[in-house]
Protein backbone atom coordinates (compact mmCIF):
# COMPACT_ATOMS: atom_id res chain seq x y z
CA MET A 1 -13.73 10.16 1.90
CA TYR A 2 -10.07 9.10 2.08
CA ARG A 3 -10.00 8.56 5.84
CA ASN A 4 -12.59 5.78 5.59
CA ILE A 5 -10.81 4.14 2.67
CA PHE A 6 -7.49 4.13 4.54
CA GLN A 7 -8.92 2.69 7.74
CA GLN A 8 -11.15 0.17 5.96
CA ALA A 9 -8.23 -1.14 3.92
CA ALA A 10 -6.02 -1.48 7.00
CA ASP A 11 -8.79 -3.22 8.94
CA TYR A 12 -9.44 -5.62 6.07
CA ALA A 13 -5.74 -6.46 5.79
CA LYS A 14 -5.43 -7.00 9.53
CA PHE A 15 -8.44 -9.27 9.89
CA HIS A 16 -8.56 -11.11 6.55
CA ALA A 17 -4.83 -11.52 5.84
CA PRO A 18 -3.14 -11.03 9.23
CA ASN A 19 -0.04 -13.07 8.45
CA LYS A 20 0.67 -12.12 4.83
CA MET A 21 4.14 -10.67 4.60
CA ASP A 22 3.57 -8.98 1.24
CA LEU A 23 1.40 -5.87 0.94
CA LEU A 24 0.22 -3.98 -2.12
CA ILE A 25 0.42 -0.20 -1.67
CA ALA A 26 -1.75 1.92 -3.96
CA SER A 27 -2.50 5.60 -4.41
CA ALA A 28 -5.98 6.55 -3.21
CA GLU A 29 -6.22 9.16 -5.98
CA LEU A 30 -6.13 6.35 -8.52
CA LEU A 31 -8.82 4.25 -6.91
CA PRO A 32 -10.80 3.62 -10.14
CA GLU A 33 -7.60 2.56 -11.92
CA ILE A 34 -6.63 0.22 -9.10
CA CYS A 35 -9.67 -1.92 -9.78
CA LYS A 36 -8.39 -2.51 -13.31
CA ASN A 37 -4.77 -3.10 -12.27
CA ILE A 38 -5.29 -5.12 -9.09
CA GLN A 39 -4.82 -8.27 -11.17
CA ALA A 40 -1.09 -7.53 -10.91
CA ALA A 41 -1.14 -8.97 -7.38
CA PRO A 42 -4.63 -10.28 -6.60
CA GLN A 43 -3.73 -12.19 -3.42
CA LEU A 44 -2.11 -9.28 -1.63
CA PRO A 45 -3.90 -7.09 0.92
CA VAL A 46 -4.12 -3.49 -0.34
CA LEU A 47 -3.20 -0.43 1.73
CA TYR A 48 -3.51 3.16 0.52
CA VAL A 49 -1.38 6.31 0.53
CA THR A 50 -1.67 9.53 -1.44
CA ARG A 51 0.56 10.21 -4.39
CA LEU A 52 2.22 13.29 -2.95
CA GLY A 53 3.01 12.23 0.55
CA TYR A 54 0.20 11.53 2.94
CA ILE A 55 0.76 8.17 4.63
CA PRO A 56 -2.24 7.63 6.87
CA ASN A 57 -1.72 6.35 10.38
CA ALA A 58 -3.82 3.25 9.59
CA THR A 59 -1.49 2.34 6.71
CA LYS A 60 1.65 3.03 8.71
CA THR A 61 0.41 1.06 11.72
CA GLU A 62 -0.45 -2.00 9.63
CA ILE A 63 2.96 -2.00 7.91
CA ILE A 64 4.78 -1.65 11.24
CA ARG A 65 2.64 -4.40 12.81
CA ARG A 66 3.91 -6.85 10.21
CA GLY A 67 7.57 -6.03 10.89
CA THR A 68 9.30 -7.47 7.83
CA ALA A 69 6.58 -7.06 5.22
CA ASN A 70 7.59 -6.58 1.60
CA LEU A 71 5.79 -3.64 0.01
CA PHE A 72 4.71 -3.69 -3.62
CA LEU A 73 3.93 -0.18 -4.87
CA LEU A 74 1.37 -0.12 -7.65
CA GLY A 75 2.53 2.16 -10.46
CA GLY A 76 5.46 4.41 -11.20
CA GLU A 77 6.42 7.71 -9.61
CA GLU A 78 3.37 9.36 -11.16
CA SER A 79 1.25 7.10 -8.91
CA ILE A 80 3.37 7.04 -5.74
CA SER A 81 6.25 9.49 -5.48
CA GLU A 82 9.79 8.41 -4.71
CA TRP A 83 9.56 10.33 -1.43
CA VAL A 84 6.52 8.27 -0.38
CA ALA A 85 8.34 5.08 -1.40
CA TYR A 86 11.30 6.05 0.78
CA ALA A 87 9.07 6.98 3.73
CA LEU A 88 7.24 3.64 3.46
CA SER A 89 10.57 1.79 3.47
CA THR A 90 11.32 3.20 6.92
CA PHE A 91 8.31 1.36 8.39
CA THR A 92 9.43 -2.15 7.41
CA LYS A 93 12.50 -4.35 7.50
CA GLY A 94 11.29 -5.94 4.26
CA LYS A 95 11.92 -4.71 0.73
CA VAL A 96 10.03 -2.20 -1.38
CA TYR A 97 9.25 -2.99 -5.02
CA ARG A 98 7.32 -1.23 -7.76
CA ILE A 99 4.76 -2.96 -9.95
CA ARG A 100 4.37 -0.95 -13.12
CA ALA A 101 0.85 -1.61 -14.37
CA HIS A 102 0.30 -1.77 -18.12
């Protein structure tokens, strides 16, 4: 299930928002919740990771392709761990922010 979600999200971002320099990063485990909270950044392409550390190649490749993209992580450490946030930061020259959904 997850593999398709990861690749589909990366493909959508690449083809429908190829030049956006801000990306929303969300945990695939929280997919139903994301639909409610996506209003936090509705114009941003969404890429997925897993909460505990899996960063799919499709997600990593799309971040690297953009070079200096700013990453906006949806949720606190219970959604995306600090380790994942750090690992994501190594793929971009941009900044990494957290959006704490209410």
